N, C-alpha and C. Protein backbone atom coordinates (compact mmCIF):
# COMPACT_ATOMS: atom_id res chain seq x y z
N UNK A 1 13.79 -69.33 -49.60
CA UNK A 1 14.96 -68.98 -48.81
C UNK A 1 14.64 -69.00 -47.31
N UNK A 2 13.53 -68.38 -46.94
CA UNK A 2 13.13 -68.33 -45.54
C UNK A 2 12.83 -69.73 -45.02
N UNK A 3 12.20 -70.56 -45.86
CA UNK A 3 11.90 -71.92 -45.45
C UNK A 3 13.17 -72.71 -45.21
N UNK A 4 14.20 -72.48 -46.05
CA UNK A 4 15.47 -73.18 -45.89
C UNK A 4 16.13 -72.82 -44.55
N UNK A 5 16.05 -71.53 -44.19
CA UNK A 5 16.63 -71.07 -42.93
C UNK A 5 15.92 -71.71 -41.75
N UNK A 6 14.58 -71.75 -41.81
CA UNK A 6 13.81 -72.33 -40.73
C UNK A 6 14.12 -73.81 -40.57
N UNK A 7 14.26 -74.51 -41.74
CA UNK A 7 14.57 -75.93 -41.71
C UNK A 7 15.95 -76.18 -41.11
N UNK A 8 16.90 -75.30 -41.46
CA UNK A 8 18.25 -75.43 -40.93
C UNK A 8 18.28 -75.23 -39.41
N UNK A 9 17.52 -74.25 -38.93
CA UNK A 9 17.46 -73.98 -37.50
C UNK A 9 16.82 -75.15 -36.76
N UNK A 10 15.76 -75.71 -37.34
CA UNK A 10 15.09 -76.83 -36.72
C UNK A 10 16.00 -78.04 -36.64
N UNK A 11 16.78 -78.27 -37.72
CA UNK A 11 17.71 -79.39 -37.74
C UNK A 11 18.78 -79.23 -36.68
N UNK A 12 19.28 -78.00 -36.54
CA UNK A 12 20.31 -77.74 -35.54
C UNK A 12 19.77 -77.95 -34.14
N UNK A 13 18.52 -77.56 -33.93
CA UNK A 13 17.88 -77.72 -32.62
C UNK A 13 17.76 -79.20 -32.25
N UNK A 14 17.43 -80.03 -33.26
CA UNK A 14 17.26 -81.47 -33.02
C UNK A 14 18.59 -82.13 -32.70
N UNK A 15 19.67 -81.67 -33.34
CA UNK A 15 20.96 -82.34 -33.22
C UNK A 15 21.73 -81.91 -31.98
N UNK A 16 21.51 -80.68 -31.50
CA UNK A 16 22.28 -80.17 -30.38
C UNK A 16 21.57 -80.43 -29.06
N UNK A 17 22.36 -80.63 -28.04
CA UNK A 17 21.82 -80.76 -26.69
C UNK A 17 21.89 -79.39 -26.02
N UNK A 18 20.74 -78.86 -25.70
CA UNK A 18 20.69 -77.50 -25.17
C UNK A 18 21.07 -77.48 -23.70
N UNK A 19 21.83 -76.47 -23.34
CA UNK A 19 22.17 -76.25 -21.95
C UNK A 19 21.08 -75.44 -21.26
N UNK A 20 21.30 -75.17 -19.96
CA UNK A 20 20.29 -74.46 -19.19
C UNK A 20 19.99 -73.07 -19.73
N UNK A 21 21.04 -72.33 -20.14
CA UNK A 21 20.84 -70.98 -20.65
C UNK A 21 20.05 -70.99 -21.95
N UNK A 22 20.36 -71.95 -22.83
CA UNK A 22 19.65 -72.03 -24.10
C UNK A 22 18.18 -72.37 -23.88
N UNK A 23 17.92 -73.27 -22.94
CA UNK A 23 16.53 -73.62 -22.65
C UNK A 23 15.78 -72.41 -22.09
N UNK A 24 16.46 -71.66 -21.22
CA UNK A 24 15.84 -70.45 -20.66
C UNK A 24 15.51 -69.46 -21.75
N UNK A 25 16.43 -69.28 -22.71
CA UNK A 25 16.19 -68.35 -23.81
C UNK A 25 15.00 -68.81 -24.65
N UNK A 26 14.91 -70.12 -24.84
CA UNK A 26 13.82 -70.65 -25.65
C UNK A 26 12.48 -70.45 -24.98
N UNK A 27 12.41 -70.80 -23.69
CA UNK A 27 11.13 -70.71 -22.99
C UNK A 27 10.71 -69.28 -22.72
N UNK A 28 11.68 -68.36 -22.67
CA UNK A 28 11.35 -66.96 -22.38
C UNK A 28 10.44 -66.37 -23.44
N UNK A 29 10.52 -66.93 -24.64
CA UNK A 29 9.69 -66.40 -25.73
C UNK A 29 8.41 -67.16 -25.92
N UNK A 30 8.08 -68.05 -25.01
CA UNK A 30 6.88 -68.86 -25.14
C UNK A 30 5.96 -68.67 -23.96
N UNK A 31 4.82 -69.34 -24.02
CA UNK A 31 3.88 -69.29 -22.92
C UNK A 31 4.38 -70.00 -21.68
N UNK A 32 5.45 -70.81 -21.81
CA UNK A 32 6.00 -71.49 -20.64
C UNK A 32 6.51 -70.49 -19.63
N UNK A 33 7.08 -69.41 -20.10
CA UNK A 33 7.60 -68.39 -19.18
C UNK A 33 6.46 -67.75 -18.41
N UNK A 34 5.37 -67.49 -19.10
CA UNK A 34 4.21 -66.90 -18.44
C UNK A 34 3.67 -67.84 -17.37
N UNK A 35 3.59 -69.12 -17.74
CA UNK A 35 3.09 -70.10 -16.77
C UNK A 35 4.02 -70.20 -15.56
N UNK A 36 5.32 -70.13 -15.81
CA UNK A 36 6.28 -70.22 -14.71
C UNK A 36 6.08 -69.10 -13.71
N UNK A 37 5.84 -67.89 -14.21
CA UNK A 37 5.59 -66.75 -13.32
C UNK A 37 4.31 -66.98 -12.52
N UNK A 38 3.28 -67.46 -13.22
CA UNK A 38 2.01 -67.71 -12.55
C UNK A 38 2.15 -68.77 -11.46
N UNK A 39 2.78 -69.89 -11.81
CA UNK A 39 2.90 -71.01 -10.88
C UNK A 39 3.79 -70.68 -9.70
N UNK A 40 4.85 -69.90 -9.94
CA UNK A 40 5.81 -69.64 -8.88
C UNK A 40 5.50 -68.46 -8.02
N UNK A 41 4.88 -67.43 -8.60
CA UNK A 41 4.69 -66.18 -7.86
C UNK A 41 3.23 -65.89 -7.54
N UNK A 42 2.35 -66.08 -8.51
CA UNK A 42 0.96 -65.69 -8.31
C UNK A 42 0.10 -66.79 -7.71
N UNK A 43 0.19 -68.02 -8.25
CA UNK A 43 -0.69 -69.08 -7.82
C UNK A 43 -0.64 -69.39 -6.33
N UNK A 44 0.53 -69.42 -5.66
CA UNK A 44 0.56 -69.79 -4.25
C UNK A 44 -0.33 -68.94 -3.36
N UNK A 45 -0.55 -67.71 -3.72
CA UNK A 45 -1.40 -66.85 -2.91
C UNK A 45 -2.87 -67.06 -3.17
N UNK A 46 -3.22 -67.83 -4.23
CA UNK A 46 -4.61 -67.99 -4.61
C UNK A 46 -5.21 -69.32 -4.17
N UNK A 47 -4.39 -70.28 -3.78
CA UNK A 47 -4.89 -71.62 -3.54
C UNK A 47 -5.94 -71.68 -2.45
N UNK A 48 -5.84 -70.81 -1.46
CA UNK A 48 -6.78 -70.85 -0.34
C UNK A 48 -7.86 -69.78 -0.45
N UNK A 49 -7.94 -69.12 -1.59
CA UNK A 49 -8.84 -67.99 -1.74
C UNK A 49 -9.94 -68.31 -2.75
N UNK A 50 -11.22 -68.09 -2.39
CA UNK A 50 -12.30 -68.30 -3.35
C UNK A 50 -12.09 -67.47 -4.61
N UNK A 51 -12.60 -67.97 -5.71
CA UNK A 51 -12.37 -67.33 -7.00
C UNK A 51 -12.75 -65.86 -7.01
N UNK A 52 -13.89 -65.50 -6.41
CA UNK A 52 -14.35 -64.11 -6.46
C UNK A 52 -13.50 -63.17 -5.62
N UNK A 53 -12.67 -63.74 -4.75
CA UNK A 53 -11.82 -62.92 -3.90
C UNK A 53 -10.38 -62.87 -4.36
N UNK A 54 -10.08 -63.52 -5.47
CA UNK A 54 -8.72 -63.53 -5.96
C UNK A 54 -8.38 -62.20 -6.63
N UNK A 55 -7.21 -61.68 -6.29
CA UNK A 55 -6.76 -60.40 -6.82
C UNK A 55 -5.39 -60.59 -7.45
N UNK A 56 -5.28 -60.50 -8.79
CA UNK A 56 -3.97 -60.66 -9.43
C UNK A 56 -2.98 -59.63 -8.92
N UNK A 57 -1.73 -60.03 -8.81
CA UNK A 57 -0.68 -59.13 -8.35
C UNK A 57 -0.38 -58.08 -9.42
N UNK A 58 -0.56 -56.82 -9.05
CA UNK A 58 -0.22 -55.70 -9.92
C UNK A 58 0.51 -54.67 -9.07
N UNK A 59 1.81 -54.53 -9.24
CA UNK A 59 2.56 -53.60 -8.40
C UNK A 59 2.09 -52.16 -8.56
N UNK A 60 2.05 -51.45 -7.45
CA UNK A 60 1.65 -50.04 -7.50
C UNK A 60 2.72 -49.22 -8.22
N UNK A 61 2.27 -48.28 -9.01
CA UNK A 61 3.20 -47.40 -9.71
C UNK A 61 3.71 -46.34 -8.74
N UNK A 62 4.77 -45.64 -9.14
CA UNK A 62 5.30 -44.56 -8.30
C UNK A 62 4.26 -43.49 -8.06
N UNK A 63 3.48 -43.20 -9.10
CA UNK A 63 2.44 -42.18 -8.97
C UNK A 63 1.37 -42.63 -7.98
N UNK A 64 1.01 -43.90 -8.01
CA UNK A 64 0.01 -44.41 -7.08
C UNK A 64 0.52 -44.34 -5.65
N UNK A 65 1.76 -44.73 -5.43
CA UNK A 65 2.35 -44.65 -4.10
C UNK A 65 2.37 -43.21 -3.62
N UNK A 66 2.75 -42.31 -4.49
CA UNK A 66 2.81 -40.89 -4.15
C UNK A 66 1.43 -40.35 -3.77
N UNK A 67 0.41 -40.74 -4.51
CA UNK A 67 -0.95 -40.28 -4.23
C UNK A 67 -1.46 -40.81 -2.90
N UNK A 68 -1.14 -42.06 -2.61
CA UNK A 68 -1.53 -42.64 -1.32
C UNK A 68 -0.87 -41.88 -0.17
N UNK A 69 0.41 -41.61 -0.33
CA UNK A 69 1.13 -40.90 0.73
C UNK A 69 0.65 -39.46 0.89
N UNK A 70 0.23 -38.86 -0.19
CA UNK A 70 -0.32 -37.50 -0.11
C UNK A 70 -1.59 -37.49 0.73
N UNK A 71 -2.44 -38.50 0.56
CA UNK A 71 -3.67 -38.60 1.34
C UNK A 71 -3.38 -38.90 2.81
N UNK A 72 -2.24 -39.52 3.09
CA UNK A 72 -1.86 -39.84 4.46
C UNK A 72 -1.01 -38.74 5.11
N UNK A 73 -0.78 -37.66 4.38
CA UNK A 73 0.06 -36.58 4.88
C UNK A 73 -0.50 -36.01 6.18
N UNK A 74 0.39 -35.72 7.11
CA UNK A 74 0.09 -35.17 8.43
C UNK A 74 -0.47 -36.22 9.39
N UNK A 75 -0.58 -37.47 8.95
CA UNK A 75 -1.03 -38.53 9.84
C UNK A 75 0.18 -39.33 10.35
N UNK A 76 -0.05 -40.11 11.39
CA UNK A 76 1.02 -40.91 11.98
C UNK A 76 0.40 -42.15 12.61
N UNK A 77 1.26 -42.93 13.29
CA UNK A 77 0.75 -44.10 13.98
C UNK A 77 0.92 -45.37 13.17
N UNK A 78 0.12 -46.38 13.49
CA UNK A 78 0.22 -47.69 12.87
C UNK A 78 -0.46 -47.70 11.50
N UNK A 79 0.13 -48.45 10.59
CA UNK A 79 -0.46 -48.58 9.26
C UNK A 79 -0.44 -50.04 8.83
N UNK A 80 -1.53 -50.48 8.21
CA UNK A 80 -1.64 -51.83 7.69
C UNK A 80 -1.98 -51.75 6.22
N UNK A 81 -1.24 -52.49 5.41
CA UNK A 81 -1.54 -52.58 3.98
C UNK A 81 -2.11 -53.97 3.73
N UNK A 82 -3.36 -54.05 3.30
CA UNK A 82 -4.04 -55.31 3.11
C UNK A 82 -3.85 -55.80 1.68
N UNK A 83 -3.17 -56.95 1.54
CA UNK A 83 -2.78 -57.44 0.22
C UNK A 83 -1.57 -56.64 -0.23
N UNK A 84 -0.49 -56.72 0.57
CA UNK A 84 0.63 -55.80 0.41
C UNK A 84 1.55 -56.08 -0.78
N UNK A 85 1.37 -57.22 -1.47
CA UNK A 85 2.16 -57.48 -2.67
C UNK A 85 3.65 -57.44 -2.41
N UNK A 86 4.36 -56.64 -3.20
CA UNK A 86 5.82 -56.56 -3.06
C UNK A 86 6.26 -55.58 -1.97
N UNK A 87 5.30 -55.03 -1.24
CA UNK A 87 5.61 -54.27 -0.04
C UNK A 87 5.96 -52.81 -0.20
N UNK A 88 5.82 -52.25 -1.39
CA UNK A 88 6.30 -50.89 -1.60
C UNK A 88 5.51 -49.83 -0.84
N UNK A 89 4.20 -50.06 -0.62
CA UNK A 89 3.41 -49.10 0.15
C UNK A 89 3.88 -49.08 1.60
N UNK A 90 4.06 -50.25 2.18
CA UNK A 90 4.52 -50.35 3.57
C UNK A 90 5.90 -49.72 3.72
N UNK A 91 6.77 -49.99 2.78
CA UNK A 91 8.13 -49.47 2.85
C UNK A 91 8.14 -47.95 2.80
N UNK A 92 7.35 -47.38 1.91
CA UNK A 92 7.29 -45.92 1.80
C UNK A 92 6.66 -45.32 3.05
N UNK A 93 5.66 -45.98 3.61
CA UNK A 93 5.03 -45.48 4.84
C UNK A 93 6.03 -45.48 5.98
N UNK A 94 6.86 -46.50 6.04
CA UNK A 94 7.91 -46.57 7.06
C UNK A 94 8.87 -45.40 6.91
N UNK A 95 9.27 -45.11 5.68
CA UNK A 95 10.18 -43.99 5.42
C UNK A 95 9.60 -42.67 5.92
N UNK A 96 8.26 -42.59 5.92
CA UNK A 96 7.60 -41.34 6.31
C UNK A 96 7.18 -41.33 7.77
N UNK A 97 7.65 -42.30 8.53
CA UNK A 97 7.46 -42.25 9.97
C UNK A 97 6.33 -43.07 10.56
N UNK A 98 5.58 -43.80 9.74
CA UNK A 98 4.50 -44.63 10.28
C UNK A 98 5.11 -45.84 10.99
N UNK A 99 4.56 -46.13 12.18
CA UNK A 99 5.09 -47.25 12.96
C UNK A 99 4.02 -47.75 13.94
N UNK A 100 3.81 -49.06 13.99
CA UNK A 100 4.40 -50.08 13.12
C UNK A 100 3.82 -50.01 11.71
N UNK A 101 4.63 -50.41 10.74
CA UNK A 101 4.20 -50.47 9.34
C UNK A 101 4.15 -51.94 8.95
N UNK A 102 2.95 -52.45 8.69
CA UNK A 102 2.76 -53.89 8.51
C UNK A 102 2.02 -54.18 7.21
N UNK A 103 2.52 -55.17 6.48
CA UNK A 103 1.84 -55.62 5.27
C UNK A 103 1.31 -57.03 5.47
N UNK A 104 0.08 -57.27 5.03
CA UNK A 104 -0.53 -58.60 5.13
C UNK A 104 -0.72 -59.14 3.72
N UNK A 105 -0.16 -60.31 3.48
CA UNK A 105 -0.16 -60.89 2.14
C UNK A 105 -0.17 -62.41 2.24
N UNK A 106 -0.93 -63.07 1.37
CA UNK A 106 -1.01 -64.54 1.39
C UNK A 106 0.11 -65.19 0.60
N UNK A 107 0.58 -64.53 -0.43
CA UNK A 107 1.55 -65.15 -1.33
C UNK A 107 2.96 -65.14 -0.71
N UNK A 108 3.52 -66.31 -0.42
CA UNK A 108 4.84 -66.36 0.24
C UNK A 108 5.96 -65.79 -0.61
N UNK A 109 5.86 -65.91 -1.95
CA UNK A 109 6.90 -65.37 -2.83
C UNK A 109 6.92 -63.85 -2.80
N UNK A 110 5.73 -63.25 -2.74
CA UNK A 110 5.67 -61.80 -2.67
C UNK A 110 6.17 -61.28 -1.31
N UNK A 111 5.92 -62.04 -0.25
CA UNK A 111 6.44 -61.66 1.06
C UNK A 111 7.96 -61.67 1.04
N UNK A 112 8.54 -62.69 0.43
CA UNK A 112 10.00 -62.76 0.32
C UNK A 112 10.54 -61.58 -0.48
N UNK A 113 9.84 -61.24 -1.56
CA UNK A 113 10.25 -60.11 -2.38
C UNK A 113 10.17 -58.81 -1.59
N UNK A 114 9.08 -58.64 -0.83
CA UNK A 114 8.91 -57.43 -0.01
C UNK A 114 10.01 -57.32 1.04
N UNK A 115 10.34 -58.42 1.67
CA UNK A 115 11.40 -58.41 2.68
C UNK A 115 12.75 -58.10 2.07
N UNK A 116 12.96 -58.58 0.85
CA UNK A 116 14.21 -58.27 0.16
C UNK A 116 14.31 -56.77 -0.12
N UNK A 117 13.21 -56.17 -0.61
CA UNK A 117 13.20 -54.72 -0.86
C UNK A 117 13.47 -53.95 0.42
N UNK A 118 12.86 -54.39 1.52
CA UNK A 118 13.06 -53.70 2.80
C UNK A 118 14.50 -53.83 3.27
N UNK A 119 15.08 -55.01 3.09
CA UNK A 119 16.48 -55.23 3.47
C UNK A 119 17.41 -54.36 2.63
N UNK A 120 17.15 -54.30 1.34
CA UNK A 120 17.99 -53.50 0.45
C UNK A 120 17.90 -52.02 0.79
N UNK A 121 16.73 -51.58 1.26
CA UNK A 121 16.55 -50.17 1.61
C UNK A 121 17.02 -49.86 3.04
N UNK A 122 17.41 -50.90 3.78
CA UNK A 122 17.89 -50.68 5.14
C UNK A 122 16.78 -50.51 6.16
N UNK A 123 15.57 -50.95 5.83
CA UNK A 123 14.43 -50.80 6.75
C UNK A 123 13.85 -52.14 7.19
N UNK A 124 14.60 -53.22 7.02
CA UNK A 124 14.05 -54.54 7.32
C UNK A 124 13.71 -54.72 8.80
N UNK A 125 14.31 -53.93 9.68
CA UNK A 125 13.98 -54.02 11.10
C UNK A 125 12.80 -53.13 11.48
N UNK A 126 12.37 -52.29 10.55
CA UNK A 126 11.32 -51.32 10.86
C UNK A 126 9.97 -51.65 10.24
N UNK A 127 9.95 -52.61 9.33
CA UNK A 127 8.70 -53.01 8.69
C UNK A 127 8.44 -54.48 8.98
N UNK A 128 7.19 -54.88 8.77
CA UNK A 128 6.83 -56.28 9.00
C UNK A 128 5.90 -56.73 7.87
N UNK A 129 6.23 -57.88 7.29
CA UNK A 129 5.37 -58.48 6.27
C UNK A 129 4.93 -59.84 6.77
N UNK A 130 3.63 -60.02 6.90
CA UNK A 130 3.09 -61.23 7.50
C UNK A 130 2.21 -61.99 6.52
N UNK A 131 2.39 -63.30 6.50
CA UNK A 131 1.55 -64.14 5.64
C UNK A 131 0.27 -64.48 6.40
N UNK A 132 -0.75 -63.67 6.19
CA UNK A 132 -2.02 -63.86 6.87
C UNK A 132 -3.18 -63.52 5.94
N UNK A 133 -4.28 -64.19 6.17
CA UNK A 133 -5.52 -63.93 5.46
C UNK A 133 -6.08 -62.61 5.99
N UNK A 134 -6.29 -61.65 5.12
CA UNK A 134 -6.74 -60.33 5.57
C UNK A 134 -8.08 -60.39 6.29
N UNK A 135 -8.89 -61.42 6.00
CA UNK A 135 -10.20 -61.54 6.65
C UNK A 135 -10.06 -61.96 8.11
N UNK A 136 -8.90 -62.50 8.47
CA UNK A 136 -8.68 -62.96 9.83
C UNK A 136 -7.81 -62.01 10.65
N UNK A 137 -7.35 -60.96 10.03
CA UNK A 137 -6.48 -60.00 10.71
C UNK A 137 -7.32 -59.07 11.59
N UNK A 138 -6.87 -58.87 12.84
CA UNK A 138 -7.52 -57.93 13.74
C UNK A 138 -7.00 -56.52 13.43
N UNK A 139 -7.87 -55.66 12.97
CA UNK A 139 -7.48 -54.32 12.54
C UNK A 139 -7.73 -53.25 13.59
N UNK A 140 -8.08 -53.65 14.78
CA UNK A 140 -8.51 -52.69 15.80
C UNK A 140 -7.39 -51.77 16.29
N UNK A 141 -6.13 -52.12 16.02
CA UNK A 141 -5.02 -51.29 16.48
C UNK A 141 -4.41 -50.42 15.38
N UNK A 142 -5.00 -50.44 14.20
CA UNK A 142 -4.45 -49.69 13.07
C UNK A 142 -5.33 -48.49 12.77
N UNK A 143 -4.73 -47.30 12.87
CA UNK A 143 -5.50 -46.10 12.56
C UNK A 143 -5.25 -45.60 11.13
N UNK A 144 -4.47 -46.37 10.38
CA UNK A 144 -4.28 -46.10 8.95
C UNK A 144 -4.28 -47.44 8.21
N UNK A 145 -5.09 -47.52 7.17
CA UNK A 145 -5.20 -48.76 6.39
C UNK A 145 -5.15 -48.42 4.91
N UNK A 146 -4.34 -49.15 4.16
CA UNK A 146 -4.29 -48.97 2.71
C UNK A 146 -4.67 -50.27 2.03
N UNK A 147 -5.35 -50.14 0.89
CA UNK A 147 -5.78 -51.33 0.14
C UNK A 147 -5.65 -51.07 -1.35
N UNK A 148 -5.09 -52.05 -2.06
CA UNK A 148 -5.08 -52.06 -3.52
C UNK A 148 -5.72 -53.37 -3.93
N UNK A 149 -7.05 -53.41 -3.92
CA UNK A 149 -7.78 -54.65 -4.15
C UNK A 149 -8.86 -54.45 -5.20
N UNK A 150 -9.39 -55.57 -5.70
CA UNK A 150 -10.42 -55.54 -6.73
C UNK A 150 -11.77 -55.11 -6.14
N UNK A 151 -12.65 -54.54 -6.96
CA UNK A 151 -13.97 -54.10 -6.46
C UNK A 151 -14.76 -55.20 -5.77
N UNK A 152 -14.66 -56.45 -6.27
CA UNK A 152 -15.40 -57.55 -5.66
C UNK A 152 -14.96 -57.80 -4.23
N UNK A 153 -13.68 -57.55 -3.95
CA UNK A 153 -13.16 -57.72 -2.59
C UNK A 153 -13.51 -56.52 -1.73
N UNK A 154 -13.41 -55.34 -2.30
CA UNK A 154 -13.69 -54.11 -1.55
C UNK A 154 -15.12 -54.08 -1.03
N UNK A 155 -16.05 -54.58 -1.82
CA UNK A 155 -17.45 -54.55 -1.40
C UNK A 155 -17.68 -55.42 -0.16
N UNK A 156 -16.92 -56.50 -0.04
CA UNK A 156 -17.03 -57.38 1.12
C UNK A 156 -16.20 -56.87 2.30
N UNK A 157 -15.14 -56.14 2.01
CA UNK A 157 -14.24 -55.64 3.05
C UNK A 157 -14.85 -54.50 3.85
N UNK A 158 -15.80 -53.81 3.25
CA UNK A 158 -16.39 -52.63 3.90
C UNK A 158 -16.90 -52.95 5.31
N UNK A 159 -17.63 -54.04 5.45
CA UNK A 159 -18.24 -54.39 6.74
C UNK A 159 -17.18 -54.64 7.80
N UNK A 160 -16.11 -55.33 7.42
CA UNK A 160 -15.03 -55.62 8.38
C UNK A 160 -14.37 -54.33 8.86
N UNK A 161 -14.11 -53.42 7.94
CA UNK A 161 -13.46 -52.16 8.31
C UNK A 161 -14.36 -51.33 9.23
N UNK A 162 -15.63 -51.27 8.91
CA UNK A 162 -16.57 -50.52 9.75
C UNK A 162 -16.65 -51.09 11.16
N UNK A 163 -16.54 -52.40 11.27
CA UNK A 163 -16.69 -53.06 12.57
C UNK A 163 -15.43 -53.00 13.42
N UNK A 164 -14.25 -52.98 12.80
CA UNK A 164 -13.03 -53.18 13.56
C UNK A 164 -12.14 -51.96 13.76
N UNK A 165 -12.13 -51.03 12.83
CA UNK A 165 -11.15 -49.94 12.91
C UNK A 165 -11.45 -48.97 14.04
N UNK A 166 -10.40 -48.36 14.63
CA UNK A 166 -10.62 -47.33 15.66
C UNK A 166 -11.29 -46.11 15.05
N UNK A 167 -11.87 -45.27 15.90
CA UNK A 167 -12.71 -44.20 15.40
C UNK A 167 -11.95 -43.11 14.65
N UNK A 168 -10.63 -43.04 14.84
CA UNK A 168 -9.86 -42.02 14.13
C UNK A 168 -9.18 -42.56 12.88
N UNK A 169 -9.56 -43.73 12.45
CA UNK A 169 -8.89 -44.39 11.33
C UNK A 169 -9.19 -43.72 9.99
N UNK A 170 -8.17 -43.76 9.14
CA UNK A 170 -8.31 -43.31 7.76
C UNK A 170 -7.97 -44.49 6.85
N UNK A 171 -8.82 -44.71 5.85
CA UNK A 171 -8.62 -45.78 4.89
C UNK A 171 -8.28 -45.15 3.55
N UNK A 172 -7.26 -45.66 2.89
CA UNK A 172 -6.90 -45.17 1.56
C UNK A 172 -6.93 -46.34 0.58
N UNK A 173 -7.72 -46.18 -0.47
CA UNK A 173 -7.83 -47.21 -1.51
C UNK A 173 -7.15 -46.72 -2.77
N UNK A 174 -6.37 -47.59 -3.39
CA UNK A 174 -5.73 -47.26 -4.65
C UNK A 174 -6.26 -48.12 -5.77
N UNK A 175 -6.24 -47.58 -6.97
CA UNK A 175 -6.66 -48.27 -8.20
C UNK A 175 -8.18 -48.37 -8.34
N UNK A 176 -8.89 -48.79 -7.27
CA UNK A 176 -10.35 -48.85 -7.30
C UNK A 176 -10.91 -48.27 -6.01
N UNK A 177 -12.02 -47.51 -6.06
CA UNK A 177 -12.64 -46.98 -4.84
C UNK A 177 -13.57 -48.03 -4.23
N UNK A 178 -13.93 -47.82 -2.97
CA UNK A 178 -14.94 -48.67 -2.35
C UNK A 178 -16.28 -48.39 -3.03
N UNK A 179 -17.01 -49.43 -3.42
CA UNK A 179 -18.22 -49.23 -4.25
C UNK A 179 -19.37 -48.50 -3.56
N UNK A 180 -19.49 -48.63 -2.23
CA UNK A 180 -20.64 -48.07 -1.54
C UNK A 180 -20.30 -46.86 -0.67
N UNK A 181 -19.06 -46.42 -0.72
CA UNK A 181 -18.62 -45.33 0.13
C UNK A 181 -18.32 -44.07 -0.67
N UNK A 182 -18.49 -42.93 -0.02
CA UNK A 182 -18.13 -41.65 -0.61
C UNK A 182 -16.82 -41.17 0.00
N UNK A 183 -15.84 -40.94 -0.84
CA UNK A 183 -14.52 -40.54 -0.35
C UNK A 183 -14.54 -39.12 0.19
N UNK A 184 -13.74 -38.88 1.24
CA UNK A 184 -13.63 -37.53 1.77
C UNK A 184 -12.60 -36.72 0.98
N UNK A 185 -11.71 -37.43 0.27
CA UNK A 185 -10.70 -36.75 -0.55
C UNK A 185 -10.21 -37.70 -1.62
N UNK A 186 -9.89 -37.15 -2.78
CA UNK A 186 -9.38 -37.94 -3.90
C UNK A 186 -8.09 -37.29 -4.39
N UNK A 187 -7.12 -38.12 -4.73
CA UNK A 187 -5.83 -37.62 -5.21
C UNK A 187 -5.44 -38.35 -6.49
N UNK A 188 -4.98 -37.59 -7.49
CA UNK A 188 -4.50 -38.19 -8.73
C UNK A 188 -5.58 -38.34 -9.78
N UNK A 189 -5.16 -38.88 -10.93
CA UNK A 189 -6.06 -39.05 -12.06
C UNK A 189 -5.91 -40.45 -12.65
N UNK A 190 -6.96 -40.90 -13.32
CA UNK A 190 -6.90 -42.17 -14.05
C UNK A 190 -6.58 -43.35 -13.16
N UNK A 191 -5.73 -44.25 -13.66
CA UNK A 191 -5.41 -45.47 -12.93
C UNK A 191 -4.56 -45.21 -11.70
N UNK A 192 -3.99 -44.01 -11.60
CA UNK A 192 -3.15 -43.68 -10.45
C UNK A 192 -3.93 -43.03 -9.31
N UNK A 193 -5.23 -42.90 -9.48
CA UNK A 193 -6.05 -42.21 -8.49
C UNK A 193 -6.14 -42.99 -7.18
N UNK A 194 -6.25 -42.26 -6.07
CA UNK A 194 -6.42 -42.86 -4.75
C UNK A 194 -7.54 -42.13 -4.02
N UNK A 195 -8.25 -42.87 -3.16
CA UNK A 195 -9.40 -42.35 -2.45
C UNK A 195 -9.21 -42.50 -0.94
N UNK A 196 -9.55 -41.48 -0.18
CA UNK A 196 -9.43 -41.52 1.28
C UNK A 196 -10.82 -41.51 1.92
N UNK A 197 -10.94 -42.25 3.04
CA UNK A 197 -12.22 -42.37 3.75
C UNK A 197 -11.98 -42.29 5.25
N UNK A 198 -12.73 -41.41 5.92
CA UNK A 198 -12.68 -41.34 7.38
C UNK A 198 -13.70 -42.33 7.94
N UNK A 199 -13.24 -43.23 8.77
CA UNK A 199 -14.11 -44.29 9.26
C UNK A 199 -15.27 -43.74 10.08
N UNK A 200 -15.04 -42.67 10.85
CA UNK A 200 -16.10 -42.14 11.70
C UNK A 200 -17.22 -41.54 10.86
N UNK A 201 -16.88 -40.88 9.78
CA UNK A 201 -17.90 -40.33 8.89
C UNK A 201 -18.72 -41.44 8.26
N UNK A 202 -18.06 -42.52 7.89
CA UNK A 202 -18.76 -43.65 7.29
C UNK A 202 -19.69 -44.32 8.30
N UNK A 203 -19.24 -44.43 9.54
CA UNK A 203 -20.07 -45.06 10.57
C UNK A 203 -21.33 -44.24 10.83
N UNK A 204 -21.19 -42.94 10.87
CA UNK A 204 -22.36 -42.10 11.10
C UNK A 204 -23.39 -42.27 9.99
N UNK A 205 -22.90 -42.49 8.80
CA UNK A 205 -23.80 -42.67 7.65
C UNK A 205 -24.47 -44.03 7.68
N UNK A 206 -23.70 -45.09 8.02
CA UNK A 206 -24.22 -46.44 7.93
C UNK A 206 -24.84 -46.96 9.21
N UNK A 207 -24.70 -46.22 10.31
CA UNK A 207 -25.21 -46.68 11.59
C UNK A 207 -26.72 -46.91 11.54
N UNK A 208 -27.44 -45.99 10.91
CA UNK A 208 -28.89 -46.11 10.84
C UNK A 208 -29.33 -47.26 9.95
N UNK A 209 -28.46 -47.68 9.03
CA UNK A 209 -28.81 -48.75 8.10
C UNK A 209 -28.49 -50.13 8.67
N UNK A 210 -27.44 -50.20 9.51
CA UNK A 210 -27.00 -51.49 10.05
C UNK A 210 -26.68 -51.32 11.54
N UNK A 211 -27.53 -51.83 12.42
CA UNK A 211 -27.28 -51.66 13.87
C UNK A 211 -26.05 -52.39 14.35
N UNK A 212 -25.48 -53.28 13.55
CA UNK A 212 -24.29 -54.03 13.96
C UNK A 212 -23.00 -53.24 13.74
N UNK A 213 -23.09 -52.10 13.06
CA UNK A 213 -21.91 -51.28 12.83
C UNK A 213 -21.44 -50.67 14.14
N UNK A 214 -20.17 -50.83 14.45
CA UNK A 214 -19.62 -50.33 15.71
C UNK A 214 -19.47 -48.82 15.67
N UNK A 215 -19.70 -48.16 16.82
CA UNK A 215 -19.49 -46.73 16.93
C UNK A 215 -18.02 -46.43 17.14
């Protein structure tokens, strides 16, 4: 009986000309849909990035955003989100008074998505999402930096942050901590945990190990 039904469905599929909606329904249940998401949204941000530095897009949860903002409580000034994805960290920082609030992201589709969220929230004039390589961004004017990146990237990012950030800067990492740094404060549990680091404390620790570290 089941075989007869399958045969009937297959016959109908062969005889009918599918419209756009039917094709979409068909592909949604296959690996083609997964590939479409990868090719359209994720892949464009990876083409110029070495394999070890590629970070799959994973949107921050509400709890993660909340934990990051808790660590930034009582702070103000400029904030940069490195690898800003869909922009939710930058948008929430803007709501809490940080200015300028800037997200740096390579993937053009995610930048468009972030700008759409900002426009829908009425903050599109108050936030900025820029398509730039985080390794080429000058961070010397940002006293608050947030990152949701993979450990392989964080280990390389440490040197740049130590060299460029102003002495009063605070760095907040979500999802993964910096591998060689000790956090001054931790918020949350499990995958929602966030870690805060004072740049001046880190410089005092690493200055004796690396004379190139800026004071």
